[in-house]
């Protein structure tokens, strides 16, 4: 037997780049005006409304509440069975084609600077 997963791309190169950049960032923790970027906490969470008996999306930063999943760049919102725990009944999920990742809680996208 012994079948394995093929088609692993340039994942090793990405890891190397991360290693190099890590030490520098940790030492210089200065707050320049925008403290939002420092917060690693996810702004969007998935909460259950007991009164409506359904899931909703809550933004802890803006206090915004949405019934539909907020759009996230690079992620496709798909519909599923709604049988996934702990989000039983929540049918929408996020799918990233690039990384083949599935996520129910809205993913954080690192802001990319386009010059």
Foldseek 3Di string as FASTA:
>chain_A
DDDDDDDDDVPVVVVVVCVVPPPVVVVDDDDDPDPPVVDPDAQWDWDADPVVRAIWIAGNVVRDIGRDDDDDPQWDWDFADQCDPPRRNDGIWIAHPVVRDIGRTDDDDDDDDDD
